[in-house]
């Protein structure tokens, strides 16, 4: 059995990823969703202070995050780039008034996620 930890911003992102993975691996796969909200306090923080991508990036810096890699075969972190211009995100979508190439955005988001894991 192949198992995956999915870190996504929302339910629809998870649903799409799960269906892609079922198509690739068949039905003999297992999922866990991370990060898990622990209580009402976490839920209220999510609704008022953080967006979902901020919560994902915060979780990447959490001391428990490193354990994920020993528990699951694959960890998929899916983060949208539509709010890249937000100061807390820091991945500009344009440069000198033009859309940045997708490859650059992907590389910058990858660097952002890696920087949060250290």
Protein backbone atom coordinates (compact mmCIF):
# COMPACT_ATOMS: atom_id res chain seq x y z
CA UNK A 1 0.00 0.00 0.00
CA UNK A 2 1.21 3.49 -0.87
CA UNK A 3 0.36 6.26 1.57
CA UNK A 4 0.23 10.00 1.11
CA UNK A 5 0.12 12.98 3.44
CA UNK A 6 -1.79 15.77 1.69
CA UNK A 7 -1.28 19.39 2.65
CA UNK A 8 -3.69 21.53 0.68
CA UNK A 9 -5.57 24.78 1.06
CA UNK A 10 -9.03 23.31 0.71
CA UNK A 11 -11.38 20.41 0.17
CA UNK A 12 -11.56 20.79 -3.60
CA UNK A 13 -7.77 20.72 -3.91
CA UNK A 14 -7.71 17.49 -1.89
CA UNK A 15 -10.49 15.95 -3.95
CA UNK A 16 -8.67 16.62 -7.22
CA UNK A 17 -5.35 15.31 -5.89
CA UNK A 18 -6.98 12.17 -4.49
CA UNK A 19 -8.63 11.41 -7.82
CA UNK A 20 -5.36 11.92 -9.69
CA UNK A 21 -3.59 9.60 -7.26
CA UNK A 22 -6.34 6.96 -7.52
CA UNK A 23 -5.89 7.13 -11.29
CA UNK A 24 -2.14 6.61 -10.96
CA UNK A 25 -2.02 4.07 -8.13
CA UNK A 26 -5.44 2.40 -8.05
CA UNK A 27 -7.49 2.00 -4.90
CA UNK A 28 -4.75 0.52 -2.72
CA UNK A 29 -3.65 3.88 -1.29
CA UNK A 30 -4.09 5.64 2.02
CA UNK A 31 -4.33 9.36 2.81
CA UNK A 32 -3.93 11.62 5.79
CA UNK A 33 -4.73 15.32 5.72
CA UNK A 34 -2.25 17.74 7.28
CA UNK A 35 -2.16 19.94 9.19
CA UNK A 36 -4.92 18.71 11.43
CA UNK A 37 -6.87 21.38 13.28
CA UNK A 38 -6.73 20.41 16.92
CA UNK A 39 -9.52 22.38 18.52
CA UNK A 40 -11.84 25.38 18.26
CA UNK A 41 -8.94 27.75 18.94
CA UNK A 42 -7.09 26.51 15.86
CA UNK A 43 -10.26 26.79 13.81
CA UNK A 44 -10.88 30.38 14.92
CA UNK A 45 -7.26 31.33 14.11
CA UNK A 46 -7.68 29.87 10.65
CA UNK A 47 -10.84 31.90 10.04
CA UNK A 48 -9.65 35.21 11.40
CA UNK A 49 -5.88 35.58 11.34
CA UNK A 50 -4.53 33.25 8.68
CA UNK A 51 -5.43 32.20 5.20
CA UNK A 52 -5.07 28.51 4.43
CA UNK A 53 -1.73 29.00 2.67
CA UNK A 54 -0.38 30.81 5.73
CA UNK A 55 -1.42 27.88 7.92
CA UNK A 56 0.33 25.45 5.55
CA UNK A 57 3.53 27.48 5.58
CA UNK A 58 3.37 27.80 9.37
CA UNK A 59 2.95 24.03 9.67
CA UNK A 60 6.05 23.46 7.50
CA UNK A 61 8.04 25.24 10.22
CA UNK A 62 6.41 23.25 13.06
CA UNK A 63 8.60 20.78 14.94
CA UNK A 64 6.12 17.96 14.15
CA UNK A 65 6.48 18.50 10.42
CA UNK A 66 9.74 16.56 10.15
CA UNK A 67 7.99 13.44 11.51
CA UNK A 68 5.65 13.43 8.52
CA UNK A 69 8.43 12.14 6.27
CA UNK A 70 9.04 9.07 8.39
CA UNK A 71 5.34 8.19 8.59
CA UNK A 72 4.21 8.59 4.97
CA UNK A 73 5.66 7.42 1.66
CA UNK A 74 4.87 10.75 -0.02
CA UNK A 75 4.06 14.24 1.21
CA UNK A 76 2.24 16.48 -1.25
CA UNK A 77 2.13 20.20 -0.47
CA UNK A 78 -0.28 22.03 -2.73
CA UNK A 79 -0.39 25.81 -2.46
CA UNK A 80 -2.08 28.21 -4.87
CA UNK A 81 -0.12 31.11 -6.33
CA UNK A 82 -3.03 33.50 -6.79
CA UNK A 83 -2.09 35.43 -3.64
CA UNK A 84 1.65 35.40 -4.32
CA UNK A 85 1.78 39.19 -4.15
CA UNK A 86 0.65 39.13 -0.51
CA UNK A 87 3.52 40.33 1.75
CA UNK A 88 3.41 37.12 3.82
CA UNK A 89 3.64 35.01 0.66
CA UNK A 90 6.34 36.97 -1.15
CA UNK A 91 6.20 35.41 -4.61
CA UNK A 92 5.32 38.24 -7.03
CA UNK A 93 3.10 37.22 -9.92
CA UNK A 94 4.39 39.91 -12.25
CA UNK A 95 7.68 41.59 -13.06
CA UNK A 96 7.79 45.03 -14.68
CA UNK A 97 4.09 44.78 -15.48
CA UNK A 98 4.26 41.37 -17.17
CA UNK A 99 3.20 37.95 -15.91
CA UNK A 100 6.18 35.96 -14.71
CA UNK A 101 6.86 32.63 -16.43
CA UNK A 102 5.21 29.65 -14.73
CA UNK A 103 8.58 27.94 -14.27
CA UNK A 104 9.82 30.91 -12.22
CA UNK A 105 6.70 30.91 -10.06
CA UNK A 106 6.99 27.17 -9.43
CA UNK A 107 10.66 27.49 -8.50
CA UNK A 108 10.00 30.44 -6.20
CA UNK A 109 7.14 28.64 -4.45
CA UNK A 110 9.34 25.56 -4.05
CA UNK A 111 12.04 27.75 -2.49
CA UNK A 112 9.47 29.37 -0.21
CA UNK A 113 8.23 26.01 1.08
CA UNK A 114 11.78 24.72 1.60
CA UNK A 115 12.72 27.92 3.45
CA UNK A 116 9.83 27.35 5.86
CA UNK A 117 11.00 23.83 6.69
CA UNK A 118 14.31 24.99 8.12
